[in-house]
């Protein structure tokens, strides 16, 4: 029987391997525009010059809820240098979603992609929730993670990427 500690020990090396594999093949991120909970449009290109973690999630997804505090920690600690964009993938009213987000103390932008045409604007495959994509300040997708992620893992990846790619911003 796997313990929580065992899962972390197994998941972290797997995450590092997945992220490292994507390092070799960066691709320009497809720009997208989606509405936030107030109806304002946000485009990925609005955040050019910053690291962007695009996180696809749903309120009914236990692993998504588990990682919310980690995403909030990364977002607040990286102010000015990075941003988290949450993309909700379920059919839920904006009022219900806003209430949920407020109860979870989420301060990063939450966009909605509940309709099929909106889902066609995704950065890439979303094979499960949560799925996160990491985009460089230059607009290249350099990592994809299916499953929960930690602030420490994101920070470690960014530091390693910047060390291996000096001068890229």
C-alpha atoms as a PDB file:
ATOM      1  CA  UNK A   1       0.000   0.000   0.000  1.00  0.00           C
ATOM      2  CA  UNK A   2       1.428   3.376  -1.017  1.00  0.00           C
ATOM      3  CA  UNK A   3       1.638   6.065   1.600  1.00  0.00           C
ATOM      4  CA  UNK A   4       1.329   9.774   0.917  1.00  0.00           C
ATOM      5  CA  UNK A   5       5.112  10.139   1.309  1.00  0.00           C
ATOM      6  CA  UNK A   6       5.674   7.364  -1.216  1.00  0.00           C
ATOM      7  CA  UNK A   7       3.394   9.096  -3.706  1.00  0.00           C
ATOM      8  CA  UNK A   8       5.388  12.322  -3.366  1.00  0.00           C
ATOM      9  CA  UNK A   9       8.695  10.485  -3.774  1.00  0.00           C
ATOM     10  CA  UNK A  10       7.388   8.798  -6.932  1.00  0.00           C
ATOM     11  CA  UNK A  11       5.559  11.841  -8.324  1.00  0.00           C
ATOM     12  CA  UNK A  12       8.394  14.358  -7.968  1.00  0.00           C
ATOM     13  CA  UNK A  13      10.948  12.459 -10.099  1.00  0.00           C
ATOM     14  CA  UNK A  14       8.207  11.750 -12.638  1.00  0.00           C
ATOM     15  CA  UNK A  15       7.350  15.463 -12.759  1.00  0.00           C
ATOM     16  CA  UNK A  16      11.021  16.388 -13.208  1.00  0.00           C
ATOM     17  CA  UNK A  17      11.386  13.850 -16.036  1.00  0.00           C
ATOM     18  CA  UNK A  18       8.266  15.101 -17.811  1.00  0.00           C
ATOM     19  CA  UNK A  19       9.355  18.706 -17.469  1.00  0.00           C
ATOM     20  CA  UNK A  20      12.895  17.899 -18.621  1.00  0.00           C
ATOM     21  CA  UNK A  21      11.584  16.103 -21.699  1.00  0.00           C
ATOM     22  CA  UNK A  22       9.625  19.160 -22.704  1.00  0.00           C
ATOM     23  CA  UNK A  23      12.659  21.387 -22.269  1.00  0.00           C
ATOM     24  CA  UNK A  24      14.174  19.869 -25.373  1.00  0.00           C
ATOM     25  CA  UNK A  25      11.238  20.839 -27.568  1.00  0.00           C
ATOM     26  CA  UNK A  26       9.851  24.284 -26.731  1.00  0.00           C
ATOM     27  CA  UNK A  27       7.022  25.418 -28.978  1.00  0.00           C
ATOM     28  CA  UNK A  28       5.516  28.846 -29.432  1.00  0.00           C
ATOM     29  CA  UNK A  29       2.356  29.051 -27.346  1.00  0.00           C
ATOM     30  CA  UNK A  30      -0.854  29.464 -29.278  1.00  0.00           C
ATOM     31  CA  UNK A  31      -2.459  32.713 -28.141  1.00  0.00           C
ATOM     32  CA  UNK A  32      -5.949  32.451 -26.731  1.00  0.00           C
ATOM     33  CA  UNK A  33      -8.559  34.838 -25.397  1.00  0.00           C
ATOM     34  CA  UNK A  34     -11.056  33.742 -22.753  1.00  0.00           C
ATOM     35  CA  UNK A  35     -13.424  35.600 -20.418  1.00  0.00           C
ATOM     36  CA  UNK A  36     -12.850  35.954 -16.692  1.00  0.00           C
ATOM     37  CA  UNK A  37     -15.609  35.843 -14.085  1.00  0.00           C
ATOM     38  CA  UNK A  38     -16.457  39.511 -14.659  1.00  0.00           C
ATOM     39  CA  UNK A  39     -16.723  39.009 -18.428  1.00  0.00           C
ATOM     40  CA  UNK A  40     -13.416  40.761 -19.175  1.00  0.00           C
ATOM     41  CA  UNK A  41     -11.300  39.160 -21.898  1.00  0.00           C
ATOM     42  CA  UNK A  42      -7.791  37.922 -21.122  1.00  0.00           C
ATOM     43  CA  UNK A  43      -5.294  36.831 -23.763  1.00  0.00           C
ATOM     44  CA  UNK A  44      -2.168  34.829 -23.138  1.00  0.00           C
ATOM     45  CA  UNK A  45      -0.257  37.532 -25.012  1.00  0.00           C
ATOM     46  CA  UNK A  46      -1.352  40.051 -22.336  1.00  0.00           C
ATOM     47  CA  UNK A  47       1.186  38.397 -20.043  1.00  0.00           C
ATOM     48  CA  UNK A  48       4.158  38.411 -22.448  1.00  0.00           C
ATOM     49  CA  UNK A  49       7.347  39.201 -20.534  1.00  0.00           C
ATOM     50  CA  UNK A  50       6.342  37.043 -17.549  1.00  0.00           C
ATOM     51  CA  UNK A  51       6.398  33.349 -16.854  1.00  0.00           C
ATOM     52  CA  UNK A  52       2.815  32.069 -17.152  1.00  0.00           C
ATOM     53  CA  UNK A  53       1.453  28.896 -15.612  1.00  0.00           C
ATOM     54  CA  UNK A  54      -1.830  28.054 -17.350  1.00  0.00           C
ATOM     55  CA  UNK A  55      -3.735  25.632 -15.135  1.00  0.00           C
ATOM     56  CA  UNK A  56      -6.790  23.747 -16.440  1.00  0.00           C
ATOM     57  CA  UNK A  57      -9.008  22.648 -13.551  1.00  0.00           C
ATOM     58  CA  UNK A  58     -12.547  22.066 -12.193  1.00  0.00           C
ATOM     59  CA  UNK A  59     -14.231  22.543  -8.820  1.00  0.00           C
ATOM     60  CA  UNK A  60     -15.253  18.854  -8.631  1.00  0.00           C
ATOM     61  CA  UNK A  61     -11.663  17.626  -9.113  1.00  0.00           C
ATOM     62  CA  UNK A  62      -9.962  16.626  -5.788  1.00  0.00           C
ATOM     63  CA  UNK A  63      -6.371  16.908  -7.148  1.00  0.00           C
ATOM     64  CA  UNK A  64      -7.252  20.368  -8.513  1.00  0.00           C
ATOM     65  CA  UNK A  65      -8.438  21.474  -5.082  1.00  0.00           C
ATOM     66  CA  UNK A  66      -5.313  19.987  -3.490  1.00  0.00           C
ATOM     67  CA  UNK A  67      -3.045  22.165  -5.643  1.00  0.00           C
ATOM     68  CA  UNK A  68      -4.971  25.467  -5.297  1.00  0.00           C
ATOM     69  CA  UNK A  69      -2.926  26.631  -2.257  1.00  0.00           C
ATOM     70  CA  UNK A  70       0.315  25.797  -4.105  1.00  0.00           C
ATOM     71  CA  UNK A  71      -0.753  27.771  -7.170  1.00  0.00           C
ATOM     72  CA  UNK A  72      -1.760  30.692  -4.965  1.00  0.00           C
ATOM     73  CA  UNK A  73       1.609  30.545  -3.189  1.00  0.00           C
ATOM     74  CA  UNK A  74       3.507  30.552  -6.498  1.00  0.00           C
ATOM     75  CA  UNK A  75       1.354  33.394  -7.857  1.00  0.00           C
ATOM     76  CA  UNK A  76       1.760  35.647  -4.817  1.00  0.00           C
ATOM     77  CA  UNK A  77       5.474  34.927  -4.345  1.00  0.00           C
ATOM     78  CA  UNK A  78       6.301  35.565  -8.008  1.00  0.00           C
ATOM     79  CA  UNK A  79       4.459  38.881  -8.400  1.00  0.00           C
ATOM     80  CA  UNK A  80       5.856  40.840 -11.301  1.00  0.00           C
ATOM     81  CA  UNK A  81       7.837  37.904 -12.697  1.00  0.00           C
ATOM     82  CA  UNK A  82       5.182  35.232 -13.132  1.00  0.00           C
ATOM     83  CA  UNK A  83       1.438  34.749 -13.116  1.00  0.00           C
ATOM     84  CA  UNK A  84      -0.947  31.835 -12.756  1.00  0.00           C
ATOM     85  CA  UNK A  85      -3.979  31.755 -15.023  1.00  0.00           C
ATOM     86  CA  UNK A  86      -6.653  29.290 -13.950  1.00  0.00           C
ATOM     87  CA  UNK A  87      -8.897  28.021 -16.743  1.00  0.00           C
ATOM     88  CA  UNK A  88     -12.053  26.394 -15.392  1.00  0.00           C
ATOM     89  CA  UNK A  89     -13.212  23.546 -17.638  1.00  0.00           C
ATOM     90  CA  UNK A  90     -16.722  22.891 -16.382  1.00  0.00           C
ATOM     91  CA  UNK A  91     -20.231  24.122 -17.025  1.00  0.00           C
ATOM     92  CA  UNK A  92     -20.899  26.157 -13.902  1.00  0.00           C
ATOM     93  CA  UNK A  93     -22.412  29.608 -13.494  1.00  0.00           C
ATOM     94  CA  UNK A  94     -20.040  32.510 -12.996  1.00  0.00           C
ATOM     95  CA  UNK A  95     -21.753  33.269  -9.677  1.00  0.00           C
ATOM     96  CA  UNK A  96     -21.166  29.722  -8.394  1.00  0.00           C
ATOM     97  CA  UNK A  97     -17.586  29.768  -9.623  1.00  0.00           C
ATOM     98  CA  UNK A  98     -16.928  33.221  -8.133  1.00  0.00           C
ATOM     99  CA  UNK A  99     -18.264  32.042  -4.749  1.00  0.00           C
ATOM    100  CA  UNK A 100     -16.061  28.950  -4.903  1.00  0.00           C
ATOM    101  CA  UNK A 101     -12.954  30.952  -5.877  1.00  0.00           C
ATOM    102  CA  UNK A 102     -13.598  33.486  -3.107  1.00  0.00           C
ATOM    103  CA  UNK A 103     -13.958  30.687  -0.529  1.00  0.00           C
ATOM    104  CA  UNK A 104     -10.601  29.275  -1.667  1.00  0.00           C
ATOM    105  CA  UNK A 105      -8.894  32.710  -1.441  1.00  0.00           C
ATOM    106  CA  UNK A 106      -7.696  32.547  -5.056  1.00  0.00           C
ATOM    107  CA  UNK A 107      -6.251  35.868  -6.240  1.00  0.00           C
ATOM    108  CA  UNK A 108      -5.000  34.900  -9.700  1.00  0.00           C
ATOM    109  CA  UNK A 109      -7.169  35.324 -12.812  1.00  0.00           C
ATOM    110  CA  UNK A 110      -9.793  32.624 -13.330  1.00  0.00           C
ATOM    111  CA  UNK A 111     -10.967  32.255 -16.914  1.00  0.00           C
ATOM    112  CA  UNK A 112     -13.777  30.049 -18.175  1.00  0.00           C
ATOM    113  CA  UNK A 113     -13.709  27.528 -21.007  1.00  0.00           C
ATOM    114  CA  UNK A 114     -16.963  25.669 -20.516  1.00  0.00           C
ATOM    115  CA  UNK A 115     -18.065  25.787 -24.159  1.00  0.00           C
ATOM    116  CA  UNK A 116     -16.631  23.644 -26.965  1.00  0.00           C
ATOM    117  CA  UNK A 117     -15.336  26.595 -29.067  1.00  0.00           C
ATOM    118  CA  UNK A 118     -13.453  27.871 -26.013  1.00  0.00           C
ATOM    119  CA  UNK A 119     -11.901  24.466 -25.377  1.00  0.00           C
ATOM    120  CA  UNK A 120     -10.538  24.455 -28.928  1.00  0.00           C
ATOM    121  CA  UNK A 121      -8.337  27.391 -27.839  1.00  0.00           C
ATOM    122  CA  UNK A 122      -6.362  25.332 -25.333  1.00  0.00           C
ATOM    123  CA  UNK A 123      -2.565  25.351 -25.367  1.00  0.00           C
ATOM    124  CA  UNK A 124      -2.492  21.623 -26.010  1.00  0.00           C
ATOM    125  CA  UNK A 125      -4.008  18.363 -24.859  1.00  0.00           C
ATOM    126  CA  UNK A 126      -5.805  18.264 -21.539  1.00  0.00           C
ATOM    127  CA  UNK A 127      -5.858  14.533 -20.877  1.00  0.00           C
ATOM    128  CA  UNK A 128      -6.892  14.909 -17.263  1.00  0.00           C
ATOM    129  CA  UNK A 129      -7.413  17.517 -14.598  1.00  0.00           C
ATOM    130  CA  UNK A 130      -5.515  19.335 -13.405  1.00  0.00           C
ATOM    131  CA  UNK A 131      -3.245  19.967 -16.391  1.00  0.00           C
ATOM    132  CA  UNK A 132      -0.724  22.802 -16.317  1.00  0.00           C
ATOM    133  CA  UNK A 133       1.375  24.369 -19.057  1.00  0.00           C
ATOM    134  CA  UNK A 134       4.368  26.583 -18.318  1.00  0.00           C
ATOM    135  CA  UNK A 135       5.019  29.389 -20.808  1.00  0.00           C
ATOM    136  CA  UNK A 136       8.264  31.398 -20.854  1.00  0.00           C
ATOM    137  CA  UNK A 137       8.324  35.213 -20.887  1.00  0.00           C
ATOM    138  CA  UNK A 138       9.114  34.890 -24.620  1.00  0.00           C
ATOM    139  CA  UNK A 139       5.891  32.938 -25.184  1.00  0.00           C
ATOM    140  CA  UNK A 140       7.208  29.389 -25.551  1.00  0.00           C
ATOM    141  CA  UNK A 141       5.548  26.386 -23.937  1.00  0.00           C
ATOM    142  CA  UNK A 142       8.356  24.558 -22.165  1.00  0.00           C
ATOM    143  CA  UNK A 143       6.527  22.195 -19.817  1.00  0.00           C
ATOM    144  CA  UNK A 144       3.271  20.319 -19.327  1.00  0.00           C
ATOM    145  CA  UNK A 145       2.145  18.555 -16.168  1.00  0.00           C
ATOM    146  CA  UNK A 146      -0.918  16.337 -15.798  1.00  0.00           C
ATOM    147  CA  UNK A 147      -1.765  16.090 -12.118  1.00  0.00           C
ATOM    148  CA  UNK A 148      -1.105  18.363  -9.145  1.00  0.00           C
ATOM    149  CA  UNK A 149       1.945  20.598  -9.061  1.00  0.00           C
ATOM    150  CA  UNK A 150       3.730  22.441  -6.251  1.00  0.00           C
ATOM    151  CA  UNK A 151       5.066  25.977  -6.046  1.00  0.00           C
ATOM    152  CA  UNK A 152       8.507  24.552  -5.260  1.00  0.00           C
ATOM    153  CA  UNK A 153       8.496  22.349  -8.374  1.00  0.00           C
ATOM    154  CA  UNK A 154       7.513  25.306 -10.572  1.00  0.00           C
ATOM    155  CA  UNK A 155      10.198  27.529  -9.055  1.00  0.00           C
ATOM    156  CA  UNK A 156      12.841  24.807  -9.381  1.00  0.00           C
ATOM    157  CA  UNK A 157      11.945  24.260 -13.026  1.00  0.00           C
ATOM    158  CA  UNK A 158      12.107  27.988 -13.831  1.00  0.00           C
ATOM    159  CA  UNK A 159      15.488  28.351 -12.096  1.00  0.00           C
ATOM    160  CA  UNK A 160      16.883  25.357 -13.972  1.00  0.00           C
ATOM    161  CA  UNK A 161      15.479  26.580 -17.291  1.00  0.00           C
ATOM    162  CA  UNK A 162      16.933  30.069 -16.827  1.00  0.00           C
ATOM    163  CA  UNK A 163      20.306  28.574 -15.893  1.00  0.00           C
ATOM    164  CA  UNK A 164      20.306  26.365 -19.006  1.00  0.00           C
ATOM    165  CA  UNK A 165      19.025  29.172 -21.263  1.00  0.00           C
ATOM    166  CA  UNK A 166      20.816  32.337 -20.090  1.00  0.00           C
ATOM    167  CA  UNK A 167      19.682  35.561 -21.686  1.00  0.00           C
ATOM    168  CA  UNK A 168      16.304  34.207 -22.806  1.00  0.00           C
ATOM    169  CA  UNK A 169      13.512  36.386 -21.501  1.00  0.00           C
END
